[in-house]
C-alpha cells in the first residue's frame, strides 16, 4: 500500500483509501465537481473528481473505503489527487487499521502498565470504583483502549486516550512521590478517570468525531456522570471522597475559559491539571516535530501561542 505520507507530486496513485469527507460543489464555470478528503493512518490528502458522472466513477459516500486511480498535482503549495477512477470496496479488500492513525506504542504493554499503576491504589472504595470500570465493564474497557484523546489537538489517534491517561498517571505518581502532602490514592485515581468521558464525547474510529452528547455536554461533565453512576452501586462510598474525586475531574482543565466548570480547590486537582497540561502540550510538540522532519522552523501553533523551532544539536 502507498501511504499518503509517501505520495509526491507527479505520482500516479492506484490504491484503497478511506473517504473521510465528500462534498458536491460547483466550479466558477458552473460545472459540478466533488471535493474529498482521503485518509489513511499516516494522514490525509485533498482529492477532486472533476467529472463525477463519467464512466469509471462509481457511487460512494463518506466513511466508505474506495479503490482509487488518480494523478497527484500541487495546488496552492499543497498536494491534490485528481481522481480518474473510483470503486467502492468490499470489507475483505482492506484492513481498517491501515486507515486510521494509531499510537506508535504497544497498546497491550500500555494497558498492563496502566493496570499496574491502578493496582497501587490502596483506598478500598477507590479500588472498587477502578474495578467497576477497568475490570468488570468490558464494553468500557474496549472503548477506552481504542479511543482517541481528541479529535485533532493531541493524541488524536487510536489508542491515544490510553497513551495520554498513562502519561498523566505517571506524571501524577512522580509528583505524589516528591510532594508527600498529596493524597496519592486520590491523585492516581483522578488521573485514571480524568478523561473517561471521551469514550462518549468522541465516536469510535474511523469517524473519531464529536457525538451529540459530546457537543452538548462535553467529556468533563460526562466523566463525572459516569463516575456517579458507578459510585451509586458501591455501598457506603464516602460522600466527601466522592466529592474530592469529582472535583479533581471537574477542575482538571484548570481554568473556566478552558472548559473546567470549577477551578482547582484541592492540591490534587491542581497537580492533575499540571500533569494533564504537560502531557498534552508535549504531545503537540512531538507531533509537530515528527510532522516535518526537514524544517527547523515548524510554524505557528496557536495552542502553544508560539512559532515552534526544532532544537539543533
C-alpha atoms as a PDB file:
ATOM      1  CA  UNK A   1       0.000   0.000   0.000  1.00  0.00           C
ATOM      2  CA  UNK A   2       1.219   3.503  -0.833  1.00  0.00           C
ATOM      3  CA  UNK A   3       0.620   5.575   2.278  1.00  0.00           C
ATOM      4  CA  UNK A   4      -0.395   9.201   1.962  1.00  0.00           C
ATOM      5  CA  UNK A   5       2.755  10.409   3.722  1.00  0.00           C
ATOM      6  CA  UNK A   6       4.785   8.900   0.835  1.00  0.00           C
ATOM      7  CA  UNK A   7       2.770  10.442  -2.018  1.00  0.00           C
ATOM      8  CA  UNK A   8       4.636  13.029  -4.121  1.00  0.00           C
ATOM      9  CA  UNK A   9       3.791  15.497  -6.856  1.00  0.00           C
ATOM     10  CA  UNK A  10       3.584  13.687 -10.198  1.00  0.00           C
ATOM     11  CA  UNK A  11       2.737  10.268  -8.736  1.00  0.00           C
ATOM     12  CA  UNK A  12       0.102   8.018 -10.245  1.00  0.00           C
ATOM     13  CA  UNK A  13      -1.907   6.519  -7.397  1.00  0.00           C
ATOM     14  CA  UNK A  14      -3.770   3.214  -7.583  1.00  0.00           C
ATOM     15  CA  UNK A  15      -4.783   2.148  -4.088  1.00  0.00           C
ATOM     16  CA  UNK A  16      -7.530   1.996  -1.467  1.00  0.00           C
ATOM     17  CA  UNK A  17      -8.264   4.940   0.854  1.00  0.00           C
ATOM     18  CA  UNK A  18     -10.929   5.907   3.387  1.00  0.00           C
ATOM     19  CA  UNK A  19     -13.224   8.743   2.283  1.00  0.00           C
ATOM     20  CA  UNK A  20     -13.222  10.987   5.353  1.00  0.00           C
ATOM     21  CA  UNK A  21     -15.228  13.821   3.744  1.00  0.00           C
ATOM     22  CA  UNK A  22     -17.112  14.264   0.473  1.00  0.00           C
ATOM     23  CA  UNK A  23     -18.855  17.394  -0.797  1.00  0.00           C
ATOM     24  CA  UNK A  24     -20.620  18.117  -4.082  1.00  0.00           C
ATOM     25  CA  UNK A  25     -19.672  21.611  -5.275  1.00  0.00           C
ATOM     26  CA  UNK A  26     -19.929  23.848  -8.329  1.00  0.00           C
ATOM     27  CA  UNK A  27     -16.962  25.417 -10.069  1.00  0.00           C
ATOM     28  CA  UNK A  28     -16.870  29.060 -11.214  1.00  0.00           C
ATOM     29  CA  UNK A  29     -17.705  27.927 -14.756  1.00  0.00           C
ATOM     30  CA  UNK A  30     -20.876  26.251 -13.468  1.00  0.00           C
ATOM     31  CA  UNK A  31     -19.657  22.684 -13.787  1.00  0.00           C
ATOM     32  CA  UNK A  32     -20.277  20.326 -10.838  1.00  0.00           C
ATOM     33  CA  UNK A  33     -17.384  18.574  -9.144  1.00  0.00           C
ATOM     34  CA  UNK A  34     -16.746  16.633  -5.953  1.00  0.00           C
ATOM     35  CA  UNK A  35     -14.230  17.576  -3.265  1.00  0.00           C
ATOM     36  CA  UNK A  36     -12.942  14.813  -0.999  1.00  0.00           C
ATOM     37  CA  UNK A  37     -10.614  14.266   1.914  1.00  0.00           C
ATOM     38  CA  UNK A  38      -8.955  10.861   1.722  1.00  0.00           C
ATOM     39  CA  UNK A  39      -7.330   9.308   4.777  1.00  0.00           C
ATOM     40  CA  UNK A  40      -5.048   6.515   5.847  1.00  0.00           C
ATOM     41  CA  UNK A  41      -3.177   6.030   9.103  1.00  0.00           C
ATOM     42  CA  UNK A  42      -0.387   8.401   8.012  1.00  0.00           C
ATOM     43  CA  UNK A  43      -2.535  11.414   7.208  1.00  0.00           C
ATOM     44  CA  UNK A  44      -4.992  12.953   4.755  1.00  0.00           C
ATOM     45  CA  UNK A  45      -4.907  14.352   1.219  1.00  0.00           C
ATOM     46  CA  UNK A  46      -7.251  16.648  -0.676  1.00  0.00           C
ATOM     47  CA  UNK A  47      -8.828  14.995  -3.724  1.00  0.00           C
ATOM     48  CA  UNK A  48     -11.090  16.118  -6.553  1.00  0.00           C
ATOM     49  CA  UNK A  49     -13.407  14.405  -9.024  1.00  0.00           C
ATOM     50  CA  UNK A  50     -13.794  16.897 -11.843  1.00  0.00           C
ATOM     51  CA  UNK A  51     -16.204  14.722 -13.860  1.00  0.00           C
ATOM     52  CA  UNK A  52     -18.389  12.993 -11.241  1.00  0.00           C
ATOM     53  CA  UNK A  53     -20.813  11.466 -13.759  1.00  0.00           C
ATOM     54  CA  UNK A  54     -18.181   9.941 -16.017  1.00  0.00           C
ATOM     55  CA  UNK A  55     -17.625   6.243 -16.699  1.00  0.00           C
ATOM     56  CA  UNK A  56     -15.448   4.656 -14.011  1.00  0.00           C
ATOM     57  CA  UNK A  57     -16.658   6.827 -11.128  1.00  0.00           C
ATOM     58  CA  UNK A  58     -18.900   4.574  -9.039  1.00  0.00           C
ATOM     59  CA  UNK A  59     -21.252   5.801  -6.316  1.00  0.00           C
ATOM     60  CA  UNK A  60     -19.757   6.018  -2.815  1.00  0.00           C
ATOM     61  CA  UNK A  61     -20.061   8.146   0.301  1.00  0.00           C
ATOM     62  CA  UNK A  62     -18.252   9.309   3.414  1.00  0.00           C
ATOM     63  CA  UNK A  63     -16.675   6.563   5.528  1.00  0.00           C
ATOM     64  CA  UNK A  64     -16.525   4.237   2.504  1.00  0.00           C
ATOM     65  CA  UNK A  65     -13.272   2.555   1.522  1.00  0.00           C
ATOM     66  CA  UNK A  66     -12.647   3.328  -2.139  1.00  0.00           C
ATOM     67  CA  UNK A  67     -10.204   1.903  -4.692  1.00  0.00           C
ATOM     68  CA  UNK A  68      -8.899   4.965  -6.498  1.00  0.00           C
ATOM     69  CA  UNK A  69      -6.843   5.692  -9.600  1.00  0.00           C
ATOM     70  CA  UNK A  70      -5.612   9.266  -9.926  1.00  0.00           C
ATOM     71  CA  UNK A  71      -2.827  11.720 -10.590  1.00  0.00           C
ATOM     72  CA  UNK A  72      -1.104  13.849  -7.942  1.00  0.00           C
ATOM     73  CA  UNK A  73      -0.513  17.550  -8.575  1.00  0.00           C
ATOM     74  CA  UNK A  74       0.353  20.555  -6.434  1.00  0.00           C
ATOM     75  CA  UNK A  75      -2.239  23.281  -5.958  1.00  0.00           C
ATOM     76  CA  UNK A  76      -1.583  26.326  -3.766  1.00  0.00           C
ATOM     77  CA  UNK A  77       1.500  24.592  -2.334  1.00  0.00           C
ATOM     78  CA  UNK A  78      -0.491  21.521  -1.249  1.00  0.00           C
ATOM     79  CA  UNK A  79      -0.768  18.088  -2.837  1.00  0.00           C
ATOM     80  CA  UNK A  80      -4.030  17.311  -4.566  1.00  0.00           C
ATOM     81  CA  UNK A  81      -5.186  13.988  -6.003  1.00  0.00           C
ATOM     82  CA  UNK A  82      -7.226  14.233  -9.212  1.00  0.00           C
ATOM     83  CA  UNK A  83      -9.353  11.075  -9.339  1.00  0.00           C
ATOM     84  CA  UNK A  84      -9.944   9.342 -12.690  1.00  0.00           C
ATOM     85  CA  UNK A  85     -11.462   6.067 -11.429  1.00  0.00           C
ATOM     86  CA  UNK A  86     -13.190   5.193  -8.156  1.00  0.00           C
ATOM     87  CA  UNK A  87     -14.756   1.949  -6.905  1.00  0.00           C
ATOM     88  CA  UNK A  88     -16.285   1.251  -3.504  1.00  0.00           C
ATOM     89  CA  UNK A  89     -14.531  -1.717  -1.876  1.00  0.00           C
ATOM     90  CA  UNK A  90     -15.875  -4.789  -0.132  1.00  0.00           C
ATOM     91  CA  UNK A  91     -14.960  -5.454   3.521  1.00  0.00           C
ATOM     92  CA  UNK A  92     -12.470  -8.222   2.711  1.00  0.00           C
ATOM     93  CA  UNK A  93     -10.419  -5.927   0.464  1.00  0.00           C
ATOM     94  CA  UNK A  94      -8.873  -3.745   3.181  1.00  0.00           C
ATOM     95  CA  UNK A  95      -7.575  -3.741   6.758  1.00  0.00           C
ATOM     96  CA  UNK A  96      -9.323  -0.940   8.727  1.00  0.00           C
ATOM     97  CA  UNK A  97      -6.212  -0.354  10.889  1.00  0.00           C
ATOM     98  CA  UNK A  98      -4.372   0.868   7.758  1.00  0.00           C
ATOM     99  CA  UNK A  99      -6.777   3.792   7.526  1.00  0.00           C
ATOM    100  CA  UNK A 100      -6.832   5.364  10.949  1.00  0.00           C
ATOM    101  CA  UNK A 101      -3.937   6.982  12.854  1.00  0.00           C
ATOM    102  CA  UNK A 102      -2.669   4.561  15.503  1.00  0.00           C
ATOM    103  CA  UNK A 103      -0.409   5.023  18.528  1.00  0.00           C
ATOM    104  CA  UNK A 104       3.207   4.104  17.861  1.00  0.00           C
ATOM    105  CA  UNK A 105       3.341   2.408  21.253  1.00  0.00           C
ATOM    106  CA  UNK A 106       2.172  -1.112  22.079  1.00  0.00           C
ATOM    107  CA  UNK A 107      -1.438  -0.988  23.318  1.00  0.00           C
ATOM    108  CA  UNK A 108      -1.143  -4.209  25.321  1.00  0.00           C
ATOM    109  CA  UNK A 109       2.035  -3.025  27.079  1.00  0.00           C
ATOM    110  CA  UNK A 110       0.489   0.372  27.880  1.00  0.00           C
ATOM    111  CA  UNK A 111      -2.647  -1.289  29.234  1.00  0.00           C
ATOM    112  CA  UNK A 112      -0.611  -3.562  31.505  1.00  0.00           C
ATOM    113  CA  UNK A 113       1.373  -0.603  32.824  1.00  0.00           C
ATOM    114  CA  UNK A 114      -1.835   1.363  33.417  1.00  0.00           C
ATOM    115  CA  UNK A 115      -3.359  -1.503  35.407  1.00  0.00           C
ATOM    116  CA  UNK A 116      -0.160  -1.927  37.437  1.00  0.00           C
ATOM    117  CA  UNK A 117      -0.323   1.740  38.434  1.00  0.00           C
ATOM    118  CA  UNK A 118      -4.036   1.457  39.212  1.00  0.00           C
ATOM    119  CA  UNK A 119      -3.305  -1.553  41.437  1.00  0.00           C
ATOM    120  CA  UNK A 120      -1.113   0.623  43.685  1.00  0.00           C
ATOM    121  CA  UNK A 121      -4.248   2.476  44.884  1.00  0.00           C
ATOM    122  CA  UNK A 122      -4.932   1.220  48.422  1.00  0.00           C
ATOM    123  CA  UNK A 123      -8.153   3.032  49.371  1.00  0.00           C
ATOM    124  CA  UNK A 124     -10.840   0.290  49.298  1.00  0.00           C
ATOM    125  CA  UNK A 125     -13.569   2.489  47.845  1.00  0.00           C
ATOM    126  CA  UNK A 126     -11.398   3.889  45.066  1.00  0.00           C
ATOM    127  CA  UNK A 127     -10.221   0.340  44.298  1.00  0.00           C
ATOM    128  CA  UNK A 128     -13.839  -0.818  43.954  1.00  0.00           C
ATOM    129  CA  UNK A 129     -14.533   2.069  41.608  1.00  0.00           C
ATOM    130  CA  UNK A 130     -11.476   1.253  39.495  1.00  0.00           C
ATOM    131  CA  UNK A 131     -12.507  -2.406  39.306  1.00  0.00           C
ATOM    132  CA  UNK A 132     -16.058  -1.414  38.340  1.00  0.00           C
ATOM    133  CA  UNK A 133     -14.740   0.385  35.256  1.00  0.00           C
ATOM    134  CA  UNK A 134     -11.476  -1.280  34.287  1.00  0.00           C
ATOM    135  CA  UNK A 135     -12.235  -4.916  35.135  1.00  0.00           C
ATOM    136  CA  UNK A 136     -15.962  -5.523  35.230  1.00  0.00           C
ATOM    137  CA  UNK A 137     -17.158  -3.174  32.459  1.00  0.00           C
ATOM    138  CA  UNK A 138     -15.692  -4.822  29.383  1.00  0.00           C
ATOM    139  CA  UNK A 139     -17.629  -2.627  26.972  1.00  0.00           C
ATOM    140  CA  UNK A 140     -15.994   0.424  28.585  1.00  0.00           C
ATOM    141  CA  UNK A 141     -12.564  -1.261  28.507  1.00  0.00           C
ATOM    142  CA  UNK A 142     -12.876  -1.966  24.784  1.00  0.00           C
ATOM    143  CA  UNK A 143     -13.803   1.658  24.030  1.00  0.00           C
ATOM    144  CA  UNK A 144     -11.146   3.065  26.360  1.00  0.00           C
ATOM    145  CA  UNK A 145      -8.340   1.082  24.726  1.00  0.00           C
ATOM    146  CA  UNK A 146      -9.321   2.144  21.206  1.00  0.00           C
ATOM    147  CA  UNK A 147     -10.465   5.747  21.759  1.00  0.00           C
ATOM    148  CA  UNK A 148      -8.513   8.866  20.897  1.00  0.00           C
ATOM    149  CA  UNK A 149      -7.863  11.624  23.414  1.00  0.00           C
ATOM    150  CA  UNK A 150      -9.009  14.335  20.996  1.00  0.00           C
ATOM    151  CA  UNK A 151     -10.341  14.897  17.511  1.00  0.00           C
ATOM    152  CA  UNK A 152      -7.266  16.832  16.355  1.00  0.00           C
ATOM    153  CA  UNK A 153      -5.496  18.648  19.220  1.00  0.00           C
ATOM    154  CA  UNK A 154      -3.327  15.948  20.821  1.00  0.00           C
ATOM    155  CA  UNK A 155      -3.262  12.138  20.920  1.00  0.00           C
ATOM    156  CA  UNK A 156      -5.876  12.160  18.137  1.00  0.00           C
ATOM    157  CA  UNK A 157      -5.248   8.551  17.171  1.00  0.00           C
ATOM    158  CA  UNK A 158      -6.419   5.044  18.031  1.00  0.00           C
ATOM    159  CA  UNK A 159      -5.002   4.247  21.452  1.00  0.00           C
ATOM    160  CA  UNK A 160      -4.485   7.948  22.151  1.00  0.00           C
ATOM    161  CA  UNK A 161      -6.739   8.026  25.217  1.00  0.00           C
ATOM    162  CA  UNK A 162      -4.854   5.106  26.763  1.00  0.00           C
ATOM    163  CA  UNK A 163      -1.467   6.671  25.939  1.00  0.00           C
ATOM    164  CA  UNK A 164      -2.466  10.077  27.340  1.00  0.00           C
ATOM    165  CA  UNK A 165      -4.032   8.634  30.505  1.00  0.00           C
ATOM    166  CA  UNK A 166      -0.937   6.545  31.201  1.00  0.00           C
ATOM    167  CA  UNK A 167       1.284   9.594  30.691  1.00  0.00           C
ATOM    168  CA  UNK A 168      -0.803  11.664  33.100  1.00  0.00           C
ATOM    169  CA  UNK A 169      -0.824   8.867  35.697  1.00  0.00           C
ATOM    170  CA  UNK A 170       2.966   8.527  35.552  1.00  0.00           C
ATOM    171  CA  UNK A 171       3.429  12.279  35.992  1.00  0.00           C
ATOM    172  CA  UNK A 172       0.970  12.263  38.909  1.00  0.00           C
ATOM    173  CA  UNK A 173       2.779   9.344  40.520  1.00  0.00           C
ATOM    174  CA  UNK A 174       6.046  11.262  40.266  1.00  0.00           C
ATOM    175  CA  UNK A 175       4.501  14.364  41.842  1.00  0.00           C
ATOM    176  CA  UNK A 176       2.910  12.365  44.671  1.00  0.00           C
ATOM    177  CA  UNK A 177       6.256  10.712  45.462  1.00  0.00           C
ATOM    178  CA  UNK A 178       8.039  14.080  45.543  1.00  0.00           C
ATOM    179  CA  UNK A 179       5.320  16.046  47.347  1.00  0.00           C
ATOM    180  CA  UNK A 180       4.189  13.778  50.212  1.00  0.00           C
ATOM    181  CA  UNK A 181       1.341  16.102  51.233  1.00  0.00           C
ATOM    182  CA  UNK A 182      -0.535  14.969  48.115  1.00  0.00           C
ATOM    183  CA  UNK A 183      -3.038  12.156  48.578  1.00  0.00           C
ATOM    184  CA  UNK A 184      -1.526   9.656  46.135  1.00  0.00           C
ATOM    185  CA  UNK A 185      -4.553   7.359  46.022  1.00  0.00           C
ATOM    186  CA  UNK A 186      -6.851  10.251  45.153  1.00  0.00           C
ATOM    187  CA  UNK A 187      -4.423  11.745  42.620  1.00  0.00           C
ATOM    188  CA  UNK A 188      -3.751   8.476  40.781  1.00  0.00           C
ATOM    189  CA  UNK A 189      -7.454   7.650  40.701  1.00  0.00           C
ATOM    190  CA  UNK A 190      -8.309  11.116  39.386  1.00  0.00           C
ATOM    191  CA  UNK A 191      -5.629  10.749  36.704  1.00  0.00           C
ATOM    192  CA  UNK A 192      -7.039   7.373  35.697  1.00  0.00           C
ATOM    193  CA  UNK A 193     -10.591   8.717  35.440  1.00  0.00           C
ATOM    194  CA  UNK A 194      -9.995  12.282  34.269  1.00  0.00           C
ATOM    195  CA  UNK A 195     -10.776  11.712  30.573  1.00  0.00           C
ATOM    196  CA  UNK A 196     -13.082   8.670  30.632  1.00  0.00           C
ATOM    197  CA  UNK A 197     -15.869  10.906  29.307  1.00  0.00           C
ATOM    198  CA  UNK A 198     -14.044  10.970  25.980  1.00  0.00           C
ATOM    199  CA  UNK A 199     -15.244   7.421  25.335  1.00  0.00           C
ATOM    200  CA  UNK A 200     -18.659   9.048  24.848  1.00  0.00           C
ATOM    201  CA  UNK A 201     -17.645  12.547  23.741  1.00  0.00           C
ATOM    202  CA  UNK A 202     -15.994  11.189  20.594  1.00  0.00           C
ATOM    203  CA  UNK A 203     -17.231   8.472  18.262  1.00  0.00           C
ATOM    204  CA  UNK A 204     -15.050   5.458  17.592  1.00  0.00           C
ATOM    205  CA  UNK A 205     -12.756   5.270  14.578  1.00  0.00           C
ATOM    206  CA  UNK A 206     -12.889   5.719  11.657  1.00  0.00           C
ATOM    207  CA  UNK A 207     -15.214   8.677  12.387  1.00  0.00           C
ATOM    208  CA  UNK A 208     -13.473   9.995  15.552  1.00  0.00           C
ATOM    209  CA  UNK A 209     -15.845  12.953  15.593  1.00  0.00           C
ATOM    210  CA  UNK A 210     -17.908  14.656  18.283  1.00  0.00           C
ATOM    211  CA  UNK A 211     -21.112  12.885  19.243  1.00  0.00           C
ATOM    212  CA  UNK A 212     -24.272  14.845  20.023  1.00  0.00           C
ATOM    213  CA  UNK A 213     -23.605  14.180  23.716  1.00  0.00           C
ATOM    214  CA  UNK A 214     -20.030  15.348  23.314  1.00  0.00           C
ATOM    215  CA  UNK A 215     -21.064  18.572  21.601  1.00  0.00           C
ATOM    216  CA  UNK A 216     -23.772  19.448  24.124  1.00  0.00           C
ATOM    217  CA  UNK A 217     -22.319  18.136  27.406  1.00  0.00           C
ATOM    218  CA  UNK A 218     -18.552  17.629  26.978  1.00  0.00           C
ATOM    219  CA  UNK A 219     -16.228  14.982  28.338  1.00  0.00           C
ATOM    220  CA  UNK A 220     -15.644  16.604  31.748  1.00  0.00           C
ATOM    221  CA  UNK A 221     -19.294  16.520  32.803  1.00  0.00           C
ATOM    222  CA  UNK A 222     -19.869  13.196  31.037  1.00  0.00           C
ATOM    223  CA  UNK A 223     -16.975  11.697  33.017  1.00  0.00           C
ATOM    224  CA  UNK A 224     -18.420  12.888  36.336  1.00  0.00           C
ATOM    225  CA  UNK A 225     -21.809  11.433  35.387  1.00  0.00           C
ATOM    226  CA  UNK A 226     -20.167   8.091  34.565  1.00  0.00           C
ATOM    227  CA  UNK A 227     -18.404   8.041  37.935  1.00  0.00           C
ATOM    228  CA  UNK A 228     -21.592   8.962  39.769  1.00  0.00           C
ATOM    229  CA  UNK A 229     -23.394   6.017  38.149  1.00  0.00           C
ATOM    230  CA  UNK A 230     -20.764   3.554  39.415  1.00  0.00           C
ATOM    231  CA  UNK A 231     -20.438   5.148  42.858  1.00  0.00           C
ATOM    232  CA  UNK A 232     -24.153   4.646  43.459  1.00  0.00           C
ATOM    233  CA  UNK A 233     -23.553   0.902  43.067  1.00  0.00           C
ATOM    234  CA  UNK A 234     -20.806   0.828  45.745  1.00  0.00           C
ATOM    235  CA  UNK A 235     -22.297   0.588  49.272  1.00  0.00           C
ATOM    236  CA  UNK A 236     -21.227   3.273  51.774  1.00  0.00           C
ATOM    237  CA  UNK A 237     -18.919   5.112  49.353  1.00  0.00           C
ATOM    238  CA  UNK A 238     -17.817   8.133  51.446  1.00  0.00           C
ATOM    239  CA  UNK A 239     -19.567  11.294  50.189  1.00  0.00           C
ATOM    240  CA  UNK A 240     -16.517  13.501  50.859  1.00  0.00           C
ATOM    241  CA  UNK A 241     -14.211  11.174  48.897  1.00  0.00           C
ATOM    242  CA  UNK A 242     -16.723  11.151  46.038  1.00  0.00           C
ATOM    243  CA  UNK A 243     -16.781  14.960  46.012  1.00  0.00           C
ATOM    244  CA  UNK A 244     -12.980  15.172  46.072  1.00  0.00           C
ATOM    245  CA  UNK A 245     -12.687  12.821  43.102  1.00  0.00           C
ATOM    246  CA  UNK A 246     -15.452  14.584  41.208  1.00  0.00           C
ATOM    247  CA  UNK A 247     -13.842  17.969  41.908  1.00  0.00           C
ATOM    248  CA  UNK A 248     -10.489  16.820  40.508  1.00  0.00           C
ATOM    249  CA  UNK A 249     -12.167  15.818  37.273  1.00  0.00           C
ATOM    250  CA  UNK A 250     -14.321  18.945  37.050  1.00  0.00           C
ATOM    251  CA  UNK A 251     -11.237  21.148  37.573  1.00  0.00           C
ATOM    252  CA  UNK A 252      -8.650  19.276  35.510  1.00  0.00           C
ATOM    253  CA  UNK A 253      -8.555  21.874  32.696  1.00  0.00           C
ATOM    254  CA  UNK A 254      -7.543  24.436  35.302  1.00  0.00           C
ATOM    255  CA  UNK A 255      -9.426  27.498  34.098  1.00  0.00           C
ATOM    256  CA  UNK A 256     -13.060  28.278  33.392  1.00  0.00           C
ATOM    257  CA  UNK A 257     -12.198  29.555  29.905  1.00  0.00           C
ATOM    258  CA  UNK A 258     -10.590  26.182  29.118  1.00  0.00           C
ATOM    259  CA  UNK A 259     -13.813  24.311  29.830  1.00  0.00           C
ATOM    260  CA  UNK A 260     -13.479  23.447  33.516  1.00  0.00           C
ATOM    261  CA  UNK A 261     -16.707  24.028  35.476  1.00  0.00           C
ATOM    262  CA  UNK A 262     -14.527  24.628  38.561  1.00  0.00           C
ATOM    263  CA  UNK A 263     -11.016  25.931  39.212  1.00  0.00           C
ATOM    264  CA  UNK A 264      -8.774  23.670  41.335  1.00  0.00           C
ATOM    265  CA  UNK A 265      -9.512  23.975  45.064  1.00  0.00           C
ATOM    266  CA  UNK A 266      -7.539  20.864  46.064  1.00  0.00           C
ATOM    267  CA  UNK A 267      -3.800  20.385  45.706  1.00  0.00           C
ATOM    268  CA  UNK A 268      -4.536  17.083  43.970  1.00  0.00           C
ATOM    269  CA  UNK A 269      -6.796  18.847  41.457  1.00  0.00           C
ATOM    270  CA  UNK A 270      -4.016  21.352  40.712  1.00  0.00           C
ATOM    271  CA  UNK A 271      -1.465  18.540  40.323  1.00  0.00           C
ATOM    272  CA  UNK A 272      -3.795  16.724  37.915  1.00  0.00           C
ATOM    273  CA  UNK A 273      -4.202  19.911  35.878  1.00  0.00           C
ATOM    274  CA  UNK A 274      -0.416  20.363  35.666  1.00  0.00           C
ATOM    275  CA  UNK A 275       0.101  16.739  34.589  1.00  0.00           C
ATOM    276  CA  UNK A 276      -2.715  16.823  32.030  1.00  0.00           C
ATOM    277  CA  UNK A 277      -1.443  20.085  30.532  1.00  0.00           C
ATOM    278  CA  UNK A 278       2.164  18.863  30.444  1.00  0.00           C
ATOM    279  CA  UNK A 279       1.357  15.617  28.681  1.00  0.00           C
ATOM    280  CA  UNK A 280      -0.957  17.310  26.160  1.00  0.00           C
ATOM    281  CA  UNK A 281       1.419  20.174  25.325  1.00  0.00           C
ATOM    282  CA  UNK A 282       4.488  17.942  24.917  1.00  0.00           C
ATOM    283  CA  UNK A 283       2.479  15.672  22.627  1.00  0.00           C
ATOM    284  CA  UNK A 284       1.641  18.705  20.477  1.00  0.00           C
ATOM    285  CA  UNK A 285       5.388  19.435  20.255  1.00  0.00           C
ATOM    286  CA  UNK A 286       6.109  15.795  19.367  1.00  0.00           C
ATOM    287  CA  UNK A 287       3.546  15.714  16.589  1.00  0.00           C
ATOM    288  CA  UNK A 288       4.872  18.965  15.113  1.00  0.00           C
ATOM    289  CA  UNK A 289       8.476  17.783  15.276  1.00  0.00           C
ATOM    290  CA  UNK A 290       7.671  14.472  13.607  1.00  0.00           C
ATOM    291  CA  UNK A 291       5.351  16.035  11.052  1.00  0.00           C
ATOM    292  CA  UNK A 292       8.073  17.986   9.264  1.00  0.00           C
ATOM    293  CA  UNK A 293      11.459  16.436   9.940  1.00  0.00           C
ATOM    294  CA  UNK A 294      13.333  18.556   7.402  1.00  0.00           C
ATOM    295  CA  UNK A 295      12.407  22.008   8.723  1.00  0.00           C
ATOM    296  CA  UNK A 296      13.988  23.930  11.601  1.00  0.00           C
ATOM    297  CA  UNK A 297      11.131  26.405  11.999  1.00  0.00           C
ATOM    298  CA  UNK A 298       7.870  24.461  12.132  1.00  0.00           C
ATOM    299  CA  UNK A 299       5.355  27.312  12.086  1.00  0.00           C
ATOM    300  CA  UNK A 300       2.879  28.944  14.431  1.00  0.00           C
ATOM    301  CA  UNK A 301       0.997  26.725  16.883  1.00  0.00           C
ATOM    302  CA  UNK A 302      -2.000  28.571  18.313  1.00  0.00           C
ATOM    303  CA  UNK A 303      -2.415  26.197  21.279  1.00  0.00           C
ATOM    304  CA  UNK A 304       1.197  26.826  22.270  1.00  0.00           C
ATOM    305  CA  UNK A 305       0.948  30.526  21.330  1.00  0.00           C
ATOM    306  CA  UNK A 306       4.364  30.398  19.701  1.00  0.00           C
ATOM    307  CA  UNK A 307       6.266  29.870  16.468  1.00  0.00           C
ATOM    308  CA  UNK A 308       7.938  26.495  17.060  1.00  0.00           C
ATOM    309  CA  UNK A 309      11.552  25.716  16.258  1.00  0.00           C
ATOM    310  CA  UNK A 310      13.417  22.431  16.261  1.00  0.00           C
ATOM    311  CA  UNK A 311      16.413  22.053  18.584  1.00  0.00           C
ATOM    312  CA  UNK A 312      19.618  21.743  16.561  1.00  0.00           C
ATOM    313  CA  UNK A 313      22.406  19.847  18.334  1.00  0.00           C
END
